[in-house]
Amino acid sequence: MWIKLGTIIPSSNTTVEREFTRTILEPDVTVHTSRITLKEVTLNGLKEMERETERAAQELGTAKVNIIAYACTTGSLFKGPNHHLEIKRRIEDITEIPAVATSGAVIDALSYFNARKVLVVTPYIDELNVKEREFLEAHGIQVVSIKGLGISDNTVIGSLDPSITYETALNEARRFGSDYDALFISCTNWRSFEVIGDLERQLGKPVISSNSATLWAVIRNLGIKVKLRYNLGALFSDLTL
């Protein structure tokens, strides 16, 4: 059976398509994308971007995709603890297709591990790190530390080598110590798939990223199992062939 995964991504995001299409090895699972305009990853930029949600969802609806993922982390949390549910509802109302949003997928993934104390690394500027902390803590998840790289240019974020993701996460974990339940790598444009497995082995803790949580939520929602190119950690232990 042909399964079509729909994704709504920021126009300047160059990572979601790359990671999803390279990782899923099933020939009958394909990824289809609609873009919404974003140049700078700032609060104002995200607010403007969200106005295009219905248009992007309708485009994917014409392709008769099986599910739609709103693949932006801070873009689905900056309004508060129920922002992801609002986006999910708007997409489903206009398309009648099941939807997920990245920030909600992250909460579900952390809950899967019963993670109540989380170490967070991001490429974001401070105003977005504040919003992310508020969102996670509103869902009962203590952010023990959040480290941002201070980048607002989304094309710069997408060009970062995964080794930077690995080094940033590992250095922050070593600096903080072991008193946390999981590590979260935030931003769907920050490459992570190549390093999640290695980070889990190094840290002995669950590691999730925005993209791994989003892909996990999509696969789980569809009730399928898939072959994956990369080791995406313990989160996918029940979903891979």
Protein backbone atom coordinates (compact mmCIF):
# COMPACT_ATOMS: atom_id res chain seq x y z
CA MET A 1 0.00 0.00 0.00
CA TRP A 2 1.30 3.44 -0.97
CA ILE A 3 1.48 5.76 2.06
CA LYS A 4 1.96 9.48 1.47
CA LEU A 5 3.34 11.58 4.32
CA GLY A 6 2.48 15.27 4.02
CA THR A 7 4.63 17.90 5.70
CA ILE A 8 4.15 21.63 6.12
CA ILE A 9 7.57 23.19 6.61
CA PRO A 10 9.05 26.70 6.81
CA SER A 11 10.13 27.83 3.35
CA SER A 12 13.75 28.17 4.49
CA ASN A 13 13.84 24.70 6.07
CA THR A 14 16.22 22.42 4.15
CA THR A 15 16.41 19.58 6.68
CA VAL A 16 12.99 17.94 7.08
CA GLU A 17 12.85 16.67 3.49
CA ARG A 18 16.50 15.64 3.60
CA GLU A 19 16.19 13.67 6.84
CA PHE A 20 12.82 12.08 6.16
CA THR A 21 13.51 11.00 2.58
CA ARG A 22 17.01 9.70 3.32
CA THR A 23 15.91 7.84 6.44
CA ILE A 24 12.75 6.04 5.35
CA LEU A 25 13.80 2.99 3.32
CA GLU A 26 10.29 1.81 2.45
CA PRO A 27 9.70 2.41 -1.30
CA ASP A 28 5.95 2.74 -0.75
CA VAL A 29 6.27 5.46 1.90
CA THR A 30 6.84 8.85 0.28
CA VAL A 31 7.21 12.39 1.61
CA HIS A 32 5.34 15.36 0.13
CA THR A 33 5.88 18.96 1.19
CA SER A 34 4.19 22.34 1.18
CA ARG A 35 6.12 25.41 2.31
CA ILE A 36 5.12 28.45 4.38
CA THR A 37 7.24 31.60 4.24
CA LEU A 38 9.95 32.08 6.87
CA LYS A 39 13.30 33.84 6.58
CA GLU A 40 14.24 34.66 10.16
CA VAL A 41 13.52 32.32 13.07
CA THR A 42 12.10 35.01 15.34
CA LEU A 43 8.79 35.41 17.13
CA ASN A 44 7.54 37.89 14.53
CA GLY A 45 8.69 35.66 11.69
CA LEU A 46 6.83 32.67 13.11
CA LYS A 47 3.65 34.69 13.60
CA GLU A 48 3.68 35.80 9.97
CA MET A 49 4.47 32.29 8.75
CA GLU A 50 1.52 30.71 10.54
CA ARG A 51 -0.94 32.75 8.46
CA GLU A 52 -0.19 30.48 5.51
CA THR A 53 -1.13 27.26 7.32
CA GLU A 54 -4.52 26.71 5.68
CA ARG A 55 -3.19 27.37 2.19
CA ALA A 56 -0.36 24.86 2.67
CA ALA A 57 -2.71 22.27 4.16
CA GLN A 58 -5.11 22.60 1.24
CA GLU A 59 -2.26 22.02 -1.20
CA LEU A 60 -1.34 18.77 0.52
CA GLY A 61 -4.98 17.80 0.63
CA THR A 62 -5.12 17.84 -3.16
CA ALA A 63 -2.36 15.18 -3.14
CA LYS A 64 -4.56 13.01 -0.89
CA VAL A 65 -1.79 12.45 1.63
CA ASN A 66 -2.50 10.09 4.52
CA ILE A 67 -1.36 12.46 7.25
CA ILE A 68 -0.05 16.03 7.56
CA ALA A 69 2.77 17.04 9.91
CA TYR A 70 3.22 20.71 10.77
CA ALA A 71 6.99 20.39 11.05
CA CYS A 72 8.06 23.42 13.03
CA THR A 73 8.85 23.33 16.74
CA THR A 74 8.67 26.90 18.02
CA GLY A 75 6.15 27.68 15.29
CA SER A 76 3.72 25.33 17.02
CA LEU A 77 4.31 26.42 20.63
CA PHE A 78 4.85 30.19 20.84
CA LYS A 79 1.17 30.90 21.60
CA GLY A 80 1.15 28.69 24.68
CA PRO A 81 0.55 25.12 25.87
CA ASN A 82 -2.33 24.38 23.45
CA HIS A 83 -0.84 25.95 20.33
CA HIS A 84 -0.08 22.57 18.75
CA LEU A 85 -3.69 21.49 19.23
CA GLU A 86 -4.94 24.65 17.53
CA ILE A 87 -2.73 24.01 14.50
CA LYS A 88 -3.77 20.36 14.37
CA ARG A 89 -7.45 21.36 14.46
CA ARG A 90 -7.05 24.00 11.74
CA ILE A 91 -5.35 21.54 9.40
CA GLU A 92 -7.86 18.77 10.06
CA ASP A 93 -10.85 21.10 9.70
CA ILE A 94 -9.83 22.27 6.24
CA THR A 95 -8.53 18.94 4.88
CA GLU A 96 -10.28 16.17 6.87
CA ILE A 97 -6.84 14.53 7.05
CA PRO A 98 -5.20 13.53 10.38
CA ALA A 99 -2.53 15.98 11.49
CA VAL A 100 0.27 16.32 14.03
CA ALA A 101 2.39 19.30 15.05
CA THR A 102 6.02 19.01 16.11
CA SER A 103 5.71 20.52 19.58
CA GLY A 104 2.91 18.12 20.48
CA ALA A 105 4.93 15.21 19.10
CA VAL A 106 7.82 16.24 21.36
CA ILE A 107 5.56 16.21 24.43
CA ASP A 108 4.28 12.76 23.48
CA ALA A 109 7.81 11.45 22.88
CA LEU A 110 9.03 12.72 26.25
CA SER A 111 5.96 11.20 27.90
CA TYR A 112 6.78 7.88 26.20
CA PHE A 113 9.97 7.82 28.29
CA ASN A 114 8.24 9.32 31.33
CA ALA A 115 10.86 12.08 31.11
CA ARG A 116 10.11 14.80 33.65
CA LYS A 117 13.53 16.50 33.69
CA VAL A 118 14.90 17.43 30.29
CA LEU A 119 18.11 18.90 28.96
CA VAL A 120 17.45 21.01 25.84
CA VAL A 121 19.80 22.24 23.11
CA THR A 122 18.63 24.55 20.32
CA PRO A 123 20.02 26.78 17.58
CA TYR A 124 17.59 29.55 18.63
CA ILE A 125 17.84 33.09 19.89
CA ASP A 126 16.86 33.75 23.51
CA GLU A 127 13.27 34.90 22.89
CA LEU A 128 12.44 31.49 21.41
CA ASN A 129 14.30 29.56 24.09
CA VAL A 130 12.10 31.34 26.64
CA LYS A 131 8.94 30.32 24.76
CA GLU A 132 10.15 26.73 24.51
CA ARG A 133 10.92 26.52 28.22
CA GLU A 134 7.48 27.94 29.05
CA PHE A 135 5.76 25.43 26.76
CA LEU A 136 7.58 22.39 28.11
CA GLU A 137 7.11 23.42 31.73
CA ALA A 138 3.40 24.08 31.13
CA HIS A 139 3.22 20.39 30.22
CA GLY A 140 4.87 19.34 33.48
CA ILE A 141 8.37 18.89 32.07
CA GLN A 142 11.16 20.57 34.00
CA VAL A 143 13.77 22.15 31.74
CA VAL A 144 16.93 21.69 33.78
CA SER A 145 19.01 23.54 31.19
CA ILE A 146 18.47 25.06 27.75
CA LYS A 147 21.41 25.97 25.54
CA GLY A 148 20.87 28.00 22.36
CA LEU A 149 23.31 28.91 19.60
CA GLY A 150 21.74 32.34 19.03
CA ILE A 151 21.04 31.90 15.30
CA SER A 152 18.00 33.52 13.64
CA ASP A 153 18.91 32.97 9.96
CA ASN A 154 17.18 29.69 9.14
CA THR A 155 19.39 28.93 6.15
CA VAL A 156 22.40 29.08 8.48
CA ILE A 157 20.73 26.62 10.86
CA GLY A 158 20.05 24.23 7.99
CA SER A 159 23.66 24.39 6.82
CA LEU A 160 25.12 23.31 10.18
CA ASP A 161 26.90 19.96 10.03
CA PRO A 162 25.47 17.24 12.31
CA SER A 163 28.82 17.18 14.10
CA ILE A 164 27.89 20.57 15.58
CA THR A 165 24.62 19.10 16.85
CA TYR A 166 26.56 16.23 18.39
CA GLU A 167 29.23 18.41 20.00
CA THR A 168 26.73 20.95 21.33
CA ALA A 169 24.57 18.25 22.90
CA LEU A 170 27.47 16.25 24.31
CA ASN A 171 29.23 19.29 25.75
CA GLU A 172 26.05 20.55 27.39
CA ALA A 173 25.31 17.12 28.87
CA ARG A 174 28.84 16.84 30.25
CA ARG A 175 28.67 20.37 31.64
CA PHE A 176 25.36 19.78 33.36
CA GLY A 177 25.87 16.29 34.76
CA SER A 178 23.54 13.30 34.88
CA ASP A 179 20.48 14.63 36.74
CA TYR A 180 18.06 14.62 33.80
CA ASP A 181 15.82 12.04 32.12
CA ALA A 182 16.21 12.82 28.42
CA LEU A 183 18.00 15.10 25.97
CA PHE A 184 15.94 17.09 23.48
CA ILE A 185 17.50 18.57 20.32
CA SER A 186 15.08 21.27 19.20
CA CYS A 187 14.42 22.66 15.69
CA THR A 188 13.24 20.79 12.60
CA ASN A 189 15.93 22.53 10.55
CA TRP A 190 18.82 21.39 12.79
CA ARG A 191 20.22 18.11 11.46
CA SER A 192 20.21 15.32 14.03
CA PHE A 193 19.39 11.94 12.48
CA GLU A 194 23.02 10.96 11.87
CA VAL A 195 23.98 11.47 15.53
CA ILE A 196 21.02 10.45 17.72
CA GLY A 197 22.14 6.83 18.08
CA ASP A 198 25.71 7.81 18.98
CA LEU A 199 24.50 10.37 21.51
CA GLU A 200 22.29 7.80 23.23
CA ARG A 201 25.23 5.41 23.51
CA GLN A 202 27.47 8.15 24.91
CA LEU A 203 24.96 9.55 27.39
CA GLY A 204 23.00 6.47 28.40
CA LYS A 205 19.83 8.59 28.16
CA PRO A 206 16.99 8.81 25.63
CA VAL A 207 17.69 11.38 22.92
CA ILE A 208 14.95 12.86 20.78
CA SER A 209 15.01 15.64 18.24
CA SER A 210 12.23 17.71 16.73
CA ASN A 211 12.40 15.65 13.55
CA SER A 212 12.66 12.26 15.24
CA ALA A 213 9.64 13.09 17.41
CA THR A 214 7.68 14.29 14.39
CA LEU A 215 8.49 11.23 12.29
CA TRP A 216 7.72 8.97 15.26
CA ALA A 217 4.33 10.63 15.75
CA VAL A 218 3.50 10.25 12.06
CA ILE A 219 4.47 6.56 11.91
CA ARG A 220 2.68 5.77 15.16
CA ASN A 221 -0.45 7.61 14.03
CA LEU A 222 -0.53 5.58 10.81
CA GLY A 223 -0.04 2.30 12.69
CA ILE A 224 2.82 1.10 10.49
CA LYS A 225 6.40 -0.11 10.91
CA VAL A 226 9.25 1.00 8.65
CA LYS A 227 12.86 0.30 7.82
CA LEU A 228 15.15 3.21 8.67
CA ARG A 229 18.61 4.09 7.39
CA TYR A 230 19.71 5.74 10.64
CA ASN A 231 19.57 4.62 14.25
CA LEU A 232 17.05 7.04 15.74
CA GLY A 233 17.33 5.63 19.22
CA ALA A 234 15.04 3.95 21.71
CA LEU A 235 12.06 6.05 20.60
CA PHE A 236 11.70 3.87 17.50
CA SER A 237 12.26 0.50 19.15
CA ASP A 238 8.66 -0.60 18.54
CA LEU A 239 8.21 0.98 15.10
CA THR A 240 11.07 -0.36 12.98
CA LEU A 241 11.33 -3.54 10.93
